[in-house]
Amino acid sequence: MPKQVDLGSLRARKAAGEKLTMLTAYDCPFAQLVDEAGIDMVLVGDSLGNVVLGYADTRPVTMDEMIHHTAAVCRGVRSALVIGDMPFMSYNITVQEAIRNGGRFLKEAGADVVKLEGGAPIADTVAALVTAGIPVCGHLGLTPQTASQLGGYRVQGRTADTALRILDDARRLEDAGISMLVLECVPDRVAARITAALAVPVIGIGAGPSCDGQVLVLHDLLGLGGGDFTPKFVKPFGALGDAARAALTAYRDEVRSGRFPAPEHCFTISDEELSKLDAE
């Protein structure tokens, strides 16, 4: 059965002014829930490093880890477009290696698109991937894999010069053949101009309401994120972390008190069979 969401339909919806939705997912059960909710795109982000795997940031994430998690997500998705995040140094060394790794996302994991961070310096790599038949999503603004070069996790494009650089990079990526663009932590009016300048869908995260669509990290949206810091652009739409902690505490207390398992949670054996067992 063909997917209901494809690159052509997303571009047509941008042209029609319809907003697009994207969320991250890192495993099959959450991917099923996201897909059933009618979300258009599922991003298997390298954010799984700090969200799921316990790394300090995204850079330690390996290709094998990304393929493993992307395949799990693809097994849970029926309608949404699946985008696999190419991890740090998987596309930076040679174009040939980038094509090989990008191909793994489609061939081994079942993704529809791969995502790369960066602008003009990776335009040739993007073009080579597209020529090889691998659809590409670009990523500009705050690029977590190279955040240290940007002065940390900071808003990008707050001056005319830096905003123009992002716009130029976006145009270079579009010329190279990207199918869509993620724009992260960019001033809203700058993002509006970039969105209007491109024919491909622009998906914002911390980039204001004028983007063609929005993406959030699923765990942030559900209130499952850990730590004390919450980015300004995050809006929790649930409090699953609180609900999970309450359920886990209740389980602990009932096991310790002997209330769980109760008779209704147990399987039985007849008195006759039990007598035979005792006789043996």
C-alpha atoms as a PDB file:
ATOM      1  CA  MET A   1       0.000   0.000   0.000  1.00  0.00           C
ATOM      2  CA  PRO A   2       1.564   3.353  -1.041  1.00  0.00           C
ATOM      3  CA  LYS A   3       2.205   5.975   1.589  1.00  0.00           C
ATOM      4  CA  GLN A   4      -0.306   8.795   1.877  1.00  0.00           C
ATOM      5  CA  VAL A   5       2.449  11.390   2.333  1.00  0.00           C
ATOM      6  CA  ASP A   6       5.159  11.874  -0.290  1.00  0.00           C
ATOM      7  CA  LEU A   7       7.467  14.668  -1.393  1.00  0.00           C
ATOM      8  CA  GLY A   8       5.171  15.771  -4.194  1.00  0.00           C
ATOM      9  CA  SER A   9       2.173  16.125  -1.908  1.00  0.00           C
ATOM     10  CA  LEU A  10       4.197  18.115   0.622  1.00  0.00           C
ATOM     11  CA  ARG A  11       5.360  20.573  -2.025  1.00  0.00           C
ATOM     12  CA  ALA A  12       1.791  20.927  -3.326  1.00  0.00           C
ATOM     13  CA  ARG A  13       0.550  21.653   0.179  1.00  0.00           C
ATOM     14  CA  LYS A  14       3.174  24.373   0.600  1.00  0.00           C
ATOM     15  CA  ALA A  15       1.965  25.952  -2.634  1.00  0.00           C
ATOM     16  CA  ALA A  16      -1.602  25.771  -1.317  1.00  0.00           C
ATOM     17  CA  GLY A  17      -0.633  27.394   1.982  1.00  0.00           C
ATOM     18  CA  GLU A  18      -1.378  24.298   4.079  1.00  0.00           C
ATOM     19  CA  LYS A  19       0.726  23.849   7.212  1.00  0.00           C
ATOM     20  CA  LEU A  20       2.841  20.705   7.589  1.00  0.00           C
ATOM     21  CA  THR A  21       3.653  18.713  10.723  1.00  0.00           C
ATOM     22  CA  MET A  22       6.835  16.846  11.669  1.00  0.00           C
ATOM     23  CA  LEU A  23       7.884  15.137  14.904  1.00  0.00           C
ATOM     24  CA  THR A  24      10.849  13.059  15.953  1.00  0.00           C
ATOM     25  CA  ALA A  25      10.530   9.404  16.910  1.00  0.00           C
ATOM     26  CA  TYR A  26      13.200   6.875  17.798  1.00  0.00           C
ATOM     27  CA  ASP A  27      11.368   3.546  18.198  1.00  0.00           C
ATOM     28  CA  CYS A  28       8.467   1.574  16.775  1.00  0.00           C
ATOM     29  CA  PRO A  29       5.765   2.159  19.451  1.00  0.00           C
ATOM     30  CA  PHE A  30       6.125   5.941  19.433  1.00  0.00           C
ATOM     31  CA  ALA A  31       6.382   5.936  15.636  1.00  0.00           C
ATOM     32  CA  GLN A  32       3.037   4.134  15.481  1.00  0.00           C
ATOM     33  CA  LEU A  33       1.441   6.729  17.757  1.00  0.00           C
ATOM     34  CA  VAL A  34       2.858   9.636  15.758  1.00  0.00           C
ATOM     35  CA  ASP A  35       1.710   8.066  12.492  1.00  0.00           C
ATOM     36  CA  GLU A  36      -1.767   7.285  13.828  1.00  0.00           C
ATOM     37  CA  ALA A  37      -2.109  10.916  14.924  1.00  0.00           C
ATOM     38  CA  GLY A  38      -1.787  11.976  11.294  1.00  0.00           C
ATOM     39  CA  ILE A  39       1.611  13.674  11.552  1.00  0.00           C
ATOM     40  CA  ASP A  40       2.983  14.229   8.047  1.00  0.00           C
ATOM     41  CA  MET A  41       6.670  13.499   8.637  1.00  0.00           C
ATOM     42  CA  VAL A  42       8.651  11.515  11.195  1.00  0.00           C
ATOM     43  CA  LEU A  43      12.248  12.587  11.740  1.00  0.00           C
ATOM     44  CA  VAL A  44      14.573  10.010  13.233  1.00  0.00           C
ATOM     45  CA  GLY A  45      16.906  12.688  14.521  1.00  0.00           C
ATOM     46  CA  ASP A  46      20.435  12.195  15.738  1.00  0.00           C
ATOM     47  CA  SER A  47      18.950  13.894  18.796  1.00  0.00           C
ATOM     48  CA  LEU A  48      18.379  10.288  19.847  1.00  0.00           C
ATOM     49  CA  GLY A  49      21.927  10.593  21.212  1.00  0.00           C
ATOM     50  CA  ASN A  50      20.967  12.878  24.075  1.00  0.00           C
ATOM     51  CA  VAL A  51      17.219  12.110  24.162  1.00  0.00           C
ATOM     52  CA  VAL A  52      17.381   8.299  24.207  1.00  0.00           C
ATOM     53  CA  LEU A  53      20.969   7.042  24.415  1.00  0.00           C
ATOM     54  CA  GLY A  54      22.259   9.256  27.222  1.00  0.00           C
ATOM     55  CA  TYR A  55      25.028  11.022  25.300  1.00  0.00           C
ATOM     56  CA  ALA A  56      25.894  14.623  26.167  1.00  0.00           C
ATOM     57  CA  ASP A  57      25.164  15.743  22.588  1.00  0.00           C
ATOM     58  CA  THR A  58      24.546  14.357  19.103  1.00  0.00           C
ATOM     59  CA  ARG A  59      28.141  13.907  17.955  1.00  0.00           C
ATOM     60  CA  PRO A  60      28.836  10.403  19.360  1.00  0.00           C
ATOM     61  CA  VAL A  61      25.872   8.890  17.470  1.00  0.00           C
ATOM     62  CA  THR A  62      27.024   6.304  14.912  1.00  0.00           C
ATOM     63  CA  MET A  63      25.646   5.250  11.560  1.00  0.00           C
ATOM     64  CA  ASP A  64      24.775   1.805  12.912  1.00  0.00           C
ATOM     65  CA  GLU A  65      22.776   3.381  15.748  1.00  0.00           C
ATOM     66  CA  MET A  66      20.929   5.612  13.302  1.00  0.00           C
ATOM     67  CA  ILE A  67      20.145   2.705  10.978  1.00  0.00           C
ATOM     68  CA  HIS A  68      18.949   0.590  13.924  1.00  0.00           C
ATOM     69  CA  HIS A  69      16.549   3.256  15.201  1.00  0.00           C
ATOM     70  CA  THR A  70      15.388   4.378  11.751  1.00  0.00           C
ATOM     71  CA  ALA A  71      14.489   0.803  10.837  1.00  0.00           C
ATOM     72  CA  ALA A  72      12.482   0.488  14.053  1.00  0.00           C
ATOM     73  CA  VAL A  73      10.590   3.691  13.255  1.00  0.00           C
ATOM     74  CA  CYS A  74       9.905   2.574   9.687  1.00  0.00           C
ATOM     75  CA  ARG A  75       8.362  -0.638  10.986  1.00  0.00           C
ATOM     76  CA  GLY A  76       5.827   1.463  12.902  1.00  0.00           C
ATOM     77  CA  VAL A  77       4.919   3.937  10.159  1.00  0.00           C
ATOM     78  CA  ARG A  78       2.298   3.421   7.469  1.00  0.00           C
ATOM     79  CA  SER A  79       1.480   6.880   6.129  1.00  0.00           C
ATOM     80  CA  ALA A  80       4.052   9.452   7.227  1.00  0.00           C
ATOM     81  CA  LEU A  81       7.249  10.314   5.391  1.00  0.00           C
ATOM     82  CA  VAL A  82      10.308   9.063   7.318  1.00  0.00           C
ATOM     83  CA  ILE A  83      13.480  11.172   7.393  1.00  0.00           C
ATOM     84  CA  GLY A  84      16.752   9.730   8.676  1.00  0.00           C
ATOM     85  CA  ASP A  85      19.324  12.079  10.178  1.00  0.00           C
ATOM     86  CA  MET A  86      22.839  11.498   8.863  1.00  0.00           C
ATOM     87  CA  PRO A  87      25.107  11.620  11.938  1.00  0.00           C
ATOM     88  CA  PHE A  88      28.253  13.639  12.454  1.00  0.00           C
ATOM     89  CA  MET A  89      31.110  12.655  10.072  1.00  0.00           C
ATOM     90  CA  SER A  90      28.910  10.318   8.014  1.00  0.00           C
ATOM     91  CA  TYR A  91      28.856  12.759   5.062  1.00  0.00           C
ATOM     92  CA  ASN A  92      31.800  15.087   5.760  1.00  0.00           C
ATOM     93  CA  ILE A  93      34.800  13.063   4.566  1.00  0.00           C
ATOM     94  CA  THR A  94      34.116  12.120   0.934  1.00  0.00           C
ATOM     95  CA  VAL A  95      31.154  12.340  -1.400  1.00  0.00           C
ATOM     96  CA  GLN A  96      31.407   8.598  -2.016  1.00  0.00           C
ATOM     97  CA  GLU A  97      31.100   7.858   1.688  1.00  0.00           C
ATOM     98  CA  ALA A  98      28.147  10.225   1.952  1.00  0.00           C
ATOM     99  CA  ILE A  99      26.366   8.374  -0.863  1.00  0.00           C
ATOM    100  CA  ARG A 100      27.155   5.011   0.716  1.00  0.00           C
ATOM    101  CA  ASN A 101      25.828   6.098   4.111  1.00  0.00           C
ATOM    102  CA  GLY A 102      22.829   7.893   2.658  1.00  0.00           C
ATOM    103  CA  GLY A 103      21.973   4.788   0.677  1.00  0.00           C
ATOM    104  CA  ARG A 104      21.973   2.715   3.852  1.00  0.00           C
ATOM    105  CA  PHE A 105      19.135   4.805   5.247  1.00  0.00           C
ATOM    106  CA  LEU A 106      16.964   3.963   2.248  1.00  0.00           C
ATOM    107  CA  LYS A 107      18.151   0.419   1.524  1.00  0.00           C
ATOM    108  CA  GLU A 108      18.650  -1.010   5.030  1.00  0.00           C
ATOM    109  CA  ALA A 109      16.368   1.107   7.217  1.00  0.00           C
ATOM    110  CA  GLY A 110      13.552   1.955   4.796  1.00  0.00           C
ATOM    111  CA  ALA A 111      13.690   5.755   5.181  1.00  0.00           C
ATOM    112  CA  ASP A 112      12.313   8.020   2.471  1.00  0.00           C
ATOM    113  CA  VAL A 113      14.683  10.985   2.897  1.00  0.00           C
ATOM    114  CA  VAL A 114      18.009  11.751   4.598  1.00  0.00           C
ATOM    115  CA  LYS A 115      18.836  14.991   6.445  1.00  0.00           C
ATOM    116  CA  LEU A 116      22.188  16.792   6.443  1.00  0.00           C
ATOM    117  CA  GLU A 117      23.334  19.841   8.378  1.00  0.00           C
ATOM    118  CA  GLY A 118      25.137  22.684   6.624  1.00  0.00           C
ATOM    119  CA  GLY A 119      24.984  25.141   3.754  1.00  0.00           C
ATOM    120  CA  ALA A 120      27.165  25.984   0.766  1.00  0.00           C
ATOM    121  CA  PRO A 121      30.110  23.747   1.808  1.00  0.00           C
ATOM    122  CA  ILE A 122      27.954  20.620   1.475  1.00  0.00           C
ATOM    123  CA  ALA A 123      26.021  21.684  -1.637  1.00  0.00           C
ATOM    124  CA  ASP A 124      28.084  19.395  -3.892  1.00  0.00           C
ATOM    125  CA  THR A 125      27.458  16.481  -1.516  1.00  0.00           C
ATOM    126  CA  VAL A 126      23.731  17.191  -1.577  1.00  0.00           C
ATOM    127  CA  ALA A 127      23.754  17.289  -5.380  1.00  0.00           C
ATOM    128  CA  ALA A 128      25.618  13.965  -5.527  1.00  0.00           C
ATOM    129  CA  LEU A 129      23.137  12.333  -3.146  1.00  0.00           C
ATOM    130  CA  VAL A 130      20.195  13.571  -5.189  1.00  0.00           C
ATOM    131  CA  THR A 131      21.828  12.374  -8.411  1.00  0.00           C
ATOM    132  CA  ALA A 132      22.246   8.960  -6.771  1.00  0.00           C
ATOM    133  CA  GLY A 133      18.497   8.854  -6.109  1.00  0.00           C
ATOM    134  CA  ILE A 134      18.603   9.783  -2.423  1.00  0.00           C
ATOM    135  CA  PRO A 135      16.178  12.592  -1.486  1.00  0.00           C
ATOM    136  CA  VAL A 136      17.690  15.157   0.879  1.00  0.00           C
ATOM    137  CA  CYS A 137      16.365  17.448   3.607  1.00  0.00           C
ATOM    138  CA  GLY A 138      18.664  20.358   4.433  1.00  0.00           C
ATOM    139  CA  HIS A 139      19.219  21.867   7.890  1.00  0.00           C
ATOM    140  CA  LEU A 140      20.296  25.479   8.481  1.00  0.00           C
ATOM    141  CA  GLY A 141      20.409  27.969  11.338  1.00  0.00           C
ATOM    142  CA  LEU A 142      21.481  26.307  14.547  1.00  0.00           C
ATOM    143  CA  THR A 143      23.177  23.087  13.467  1.00  0.00           C
ATOM    144  CA  PRO A 144      23.738  20.970  16.603  1.00  0.00           C
ATOM    145  CA  GLN A 145      26.540  18.842  15.112  1.00  0.00           C
ATOM    146  CA  THR A 146      28.696  21.970  14.713  1.00  0.00           C
ATOM    147  CA  ALA A 147      27.233  24.080  17.530  1.00  0.00           C
ATOM    148  CA  SER A 148      30.682  24.677  19.002  1.00  0.00           C
ATOM    149  CA  GLN A 149      31.661  26.574  15.841  1.00  0.00           C
ATOM    150  CA  LEU A 150      28.549  28.736  16.207  1.00  0.00           C
ATOM    151  CA  GLY A 151      29.359  29.792  19.759  1.00  0.00           C
ATOM    152  CA  GLY A 152      27.078  27.191  21.346  1.00  0.00           C
ATOM    153  CA  TYR A 153      23.361  26.594  21.114  1.00  0.00           C
ATOM    154  CA  ARG A 154      22.403  30.113  20.085  1.00  0.00           C
ATOM    155  CA  VAL A 155      19.919  31.775  17.764  1.00  0.00           C
ATOM    156  CA  GLN A 156      21.432  32.294  14.300  1.00  0.00           C
ATOM    157  CA  GLY A 157      20.730  35.092  11.813  1.00  0.00           C
ATOM    158  CA  ARG A 158      20.193  38.004  14.179  1.00  0.00           C
ATOM    159  CA  THR A 159      22.272  40.378  12.069  1.00  0.00           C
ATOM    160  CA  ALA A 160      21.667  41.317   8.451  1.00  0.00           C
ATOM    161  CA  ASP A 161      24.954  39.685   7.398  1.00  0.00           C
ATOM    162  CA  THR A 162      24.327  36.369   9.129  1.00  0.00           C
ATOM    163  CA  ALA A 163      20.684  36.299   8.007  1.00  0.00           C
ATOM    164  CA  LEU A 164      21.760  36.870   4.404  1.00  0.00           C
ATOM    165  CA  ARG A 165      24.278  34.055   4.739  1.00  0.00           C
ATOM    166  CA  ILE A 166      21.534  31.651   5.828  1.00  0.00           C
ATOM    167  CA  LEU A 167      19.323  32.794   2.952  1.00  0.00           C
ATOM    168  CA  ASP A 168      22.162  32.307   0.479  1.00  0.00           C
ATOM    169  CA  ASP A 169      22.862  28.853   1.916  1.00  0.00           C
ATOM    170  CA  ALA A 170      19.177  27.962   1.582  1.00  0.00           C
ATOM    171  CA  ARG A 171      19.192  28.961  -2.074  1.00  0.00           C
ATOM    172  CA  ARG A 172      22.382  26.994  -2.687  1.00  0.00           C
ATOM    173  CA  LEU A 173      20.838  23.902  -1.115  1.00  0.00           C
ATOM    174  CA  GLU A 174      17.667  24.307  -3.168  1.00  0.00           C
ATOM    175  CA  ASP A 175      19.750  24.628  -6.339  1.00  0.00           C
ATOM    176  CA  ALA A 176      21.582  21.445  -5.268  1.00  0.00           C
ATOM    177  CA  GLY A 177      18.267  19.598  -5.148  1.00  0.00           C
ATOM    178  CA  ILE A 178      17.004  19.426  -1.552  1.00  0.00           C
ATOM    179  CA  SER A 179      13.381  18.356  -1.179  1.00  0.00           C
ATOM    180  CA  MET A 180      12.799  20.331   2.030  1.00  0.00           C
ATOM    181  CA  LEU A 181      14.636  22.382   4.631  1.00  0.00           C
ATOM    182  CA  VAL A 182      14.688  22.413   8.443  1.00  0.00           C
ATOM    183  CA  LEU A 183      15.346  25.878   9.840  1.00  0.00           C
ATOM    184  CA  GLU A 184      16.362  25.908  13.509  1.00  0.00           C
ATOM    185  CA  CYS A 185      16.585  28.837  15.942  1.00  0.00           C
ATOM    186  CA  VAL A 186      16.293  31.660  13.423  1.00  0.00           C
ATOM    187  CA  PRO A 187      14.418  34.955  14.044  1.00  0.00           C
ATOM    188  CA  ASP A 188      10.810  34.679  12.891  1.00  0.00           C
ATOM    189  CA  ARG A 189      10.953  37.469  10.302  1.00  0.00           C
ATOM    190  CA  VAL A 190      14.160  36.083   8.827  1.00  0.00           C
ATOM    191  CA  ALA A 191      12.568  32.619   8.617  1.00  0.00           C
ATOM    192  CA  ALA A 192       9.527  34.165   6.904  1.00  0.00           C
ATOM    193  CA  ARG A 193      11.726  35.602   4.169  1.00  0.00           C
ATOM    194  CA  ILE A 194      13.588  32.345   3.663  1.00  0.00           C
ATOM    195  CA  THR A 195      10.327  30.404   3.506  1.00  0.00           C
ATOM    196  CA  ALA A 196       8.942  32.782   0.886  1.00  0.00           C
ATOM    197  CA  ALA A 197      12.148  32.587  -1.161  1.00  0.00           C
ATOM    198  CA  LEU A 198      12.132  28.786  -1.509  1.00  0.00           C
ATOM    199  CA  ALA A 199       9.827  26.551  -3.524  1.00  0.00           C
ATOM    200  CA  VAL A 200      10.544  23.569  -1.238  1.00  0.00           C
ATOM    201  CA  PRO A 201       8.813  23.236   2.152  1.00  0.00           C
ATOM    202  CA  VAL A 202      10.586  24.910   5.066  1.00  0.00           C
ATOM    203  CA  ILE A 203      10.027  23.280   8.458  1.00  0.00           C
ATOM    204  CA  GLY A 204      10.778  25.426  11.482  1.00  0.00           C
ATOM    205  CA  ILE A 205      11.925  24.645  14.978  1.00  0.00           C
ATOM    206  CA  GLY A 206      12.291  27.852  16.910  1.00  0.00           C
ATOM    207  CA  ALA A 207      11.835  29.755  13.637  1.00  0.00           C
ATOM    208  CA  GLY A 208       8.371  31.250  14.042  1.00  0.00           C
ATOM    209  CA  PRO A 209       4.932  30.616  12.546  1.00  0.00           C
ATOM    210  CA  SER A 210       5.634  31.691   8.964  1.00  0.00           C
ATOM    211  CA  CYS A 211       7.491  28.481   8.090  1.00  0.00           C
ATOM    212  CA  ASP A 212       5.566  25.962   6.020  1.00  0.00           C
ATOM    213  CA  GLY A 213       5.510  23.552   8.954  1.00  0.00           C
ATOM    214  CA  GLN A 214       6.829  22.830  12.437  1.00  0.00           C
ATOM    215  CA  VAL A 215       8.913  20.129  14.077  1.00  0.00           C
ATOM    216  CA  LEU A 216       9.507  19.352  17.741  1.00  0.00           C
ATOM    217  CA  VAL A 217      11.323  16.616  19.610  1.00  0.00           C
ATOM    218  CA  LEU A 218       8.614  14.141  20.631  1.00  0.00           C
ATOM    219  CA  HIS A 219       9.859  13.794  24.199  1.00  0.00           C
ATOM    220  CA  ASP A 220       9.724  17.567  24.678  1.00  0.00           C
ATOM    221  CA  LEU A 221       6.189  17.729  23.304  1.00  0.00           C
ATOM    222  CA  LEU A 222       5.003  14.928  25.610  1.00  0.00           C
ATOM    223  CA  GLY A 223       6.708  16.271  28.720  1.00  0.00           C
ATOM    224  CA  LEU A 224       9.165  13.387  28.843  1.00  0.00           C
ATOM    225  CA  GLY A 225      12.321  15.469  28.590  1.00  0.00           C
ATOM    226  CA  GLY A 226      14.846  15.328  31.403  1.00  0.00           C
ATOM    227  CA  GLY A 227      17.004  18.070  32.824  1.00  0.00           C
ATOM    228  CA  ASP A 228      16.283  21.581  33.979  1.00  0.00           C
ATOM    229  CA  PHE A 229      16.609  23.408  30.653  1.00  0.00           C
ATOM    230  CA  THR A 230      13.719  23.724  28.214  1.00  0.00           C
ATOM    231  CA  PRO A 231      14.334  25.641  24.964  1.00  0.00           C
ATOM    232  CA  LYS A 232      12.157  28.708  24.427  1.00  0.00           C
ATOM    233  CA  PHE A 233      10.583  27.215  21.298  1.00  0.00           C
ATOM    234  CA  VAL A 234       9.299  24.104  23.100  1.00  0.00           C
ATOM    235  CA  LYS A 235       5.661  23.876  24.133  1.00  0.00           C
ATOM    236  CA  PRO A 236       4.801  20.746  26.166  1.00  0.00           C
ATOM    237  CA  PHE A 237       1.462  19.378  24.960  1.00  0.00           C
ATOM    238  CA  GLY A 238       1.383  16.674  27.641  1.00  0.00           C
ATOM    239  CA  ALA A 239       2.850  15.656  30.991  1.00  0.00           C
ATOM    240  CA  LEU A 240       3.697  12.012  30.391  1.00  0.00           C
ATOM    241  CA  GLY A 241       6.792  12.249  32.538  1.00  0.00           C
ATOM    242  CA  ASP A 242       4.690  13.062  35.604  1.00  0.00           C
ATOM    243  CA  ALA A 243       2.227  10.310  34.737  1.00  0.00           C
ATOM    244  CA  ALA A 244       5.049   7.785  34.284  1.00  0.00           C
ATOM    245  CA  ARG A 245       6.683   8.694  37.603  1.00  0.00           C
ATOM    246  CA  ALA A 246       3.340   8.331  39.404  1.00  0.00           C
ATOM    247  CA  ALA A 247       2.724   4.925  37.810  1.00  0.00           C
ATOM    248  CA  LEU A 248       6.222   3.666  38.623  1.00  0.00           C
ATOM    249  CA  THR A 249       5.948   4.800  42.237  1.00  0.00           C
ATOM    250  CA  ALA A 250       2.565   3.090  42.582  1.00  0.00           C
ATOM    251  CA  TYR A 251       4.022  -0.134  41.175  1.00  0.00           C
ATOM    252  CA  ARG A 252       6.927  -0.016  43.611  1.00  0.00           C
ATOM    253  CA  ASP A 253       4.613   0.550  46.586  1.00  0.00           C
ATOM    254  CA  GLU A 254       2.171  -2.232  45.636  1.00  0.00           C
ATOM    255  CA  VAL A 255       4.926  -4.805  45.115  1.00  0.00           C
ATOM    256  CA  ARG A 256       6.553  -3.932  48.429  1.00  0.00           C
ATOM    257  CA  SER A 257       3.240  -4.076  50.293  1.00  0.00           C
ATOM    258  CA  GLY A 258       2.154  -7.334  48.650  1.00  0.00           C
ATOM    259  CA  ARG A 259      -0.902  -5.814  46.964  1.00  0.00           C
ATOM    260  CA  PHE A 260       0.457  -6.716  43.532  1.00  0.00           C
ATOM    261  CA  PRO A 261       0.005  -9.195  42.065  1.00  0.00           C
ATOM    262  CA  ALA A 262      -3.551  -9.709  43.330  1.00  0.00           C
ATOM    263  CA  PRO A 263      -5.615 -12.872  42.656  1.00  0.00           C
ATOM    264  CA  GLU A 264      -6.996 -11.415  39.426  1.00  0.00           C
ATOM    265  CA  HIS A 265      -3.456 -11.219  38.065  1.00  0.00           C
ATOM    266  CA  CYS A 266      -2.637 -14.881  38.738  1.00  0.00           C
ATOM    267  CA  PHE A 267      -3.126 -18.149  36.831  1.00  0.00           C
ATOM    268  CA  THR A 268      -4.660 -21.139  38.643  1.00  0.00           C
ATOM    269  CA  ILE A 269      -4.200 -24.899  38.818  1.00  0.00           C
ATOM    270  CA  SER A 270      -6.952 -27.260  39.931  1.00  0.00           C
ATOM    271  CA  ASP A 271      -6.814 -28.841  43.408  1.00  0.00           C
ATOM    272  CA  GLU A 272      -6.681 -32.271  41.782  1.00  0.00           C
ATOM    273  CA  GLU A 273      -3.628 -31.459  39.671  1.00  0.00           C
ATOM    274  CA  LEU A 274      -1.962 -29.752  42.604  1.00  0.00           C
ATOM    275  CA  SER A 275      -2.466 -32.872  44.704  1.00  0.00           C
ATOM    276  CA  LYS A 276      -0.790 -34.958  41.986  1.00  0.00           C
ATOM    277  CA  LEU A 277       2.098 -32.509  41.940  1.00  0.00           C
ATOM    278  CA  ASP A 278       2.478 -32.708  45.740  1.00  0.00           C
ATOM    279  CA  ALA A 279       2.347 -36.514  45.591  1.00  0.00           C
ATOM    280  CA  GLU A 280       5.216 -36.570  43.155  1.00  0.00           C
END
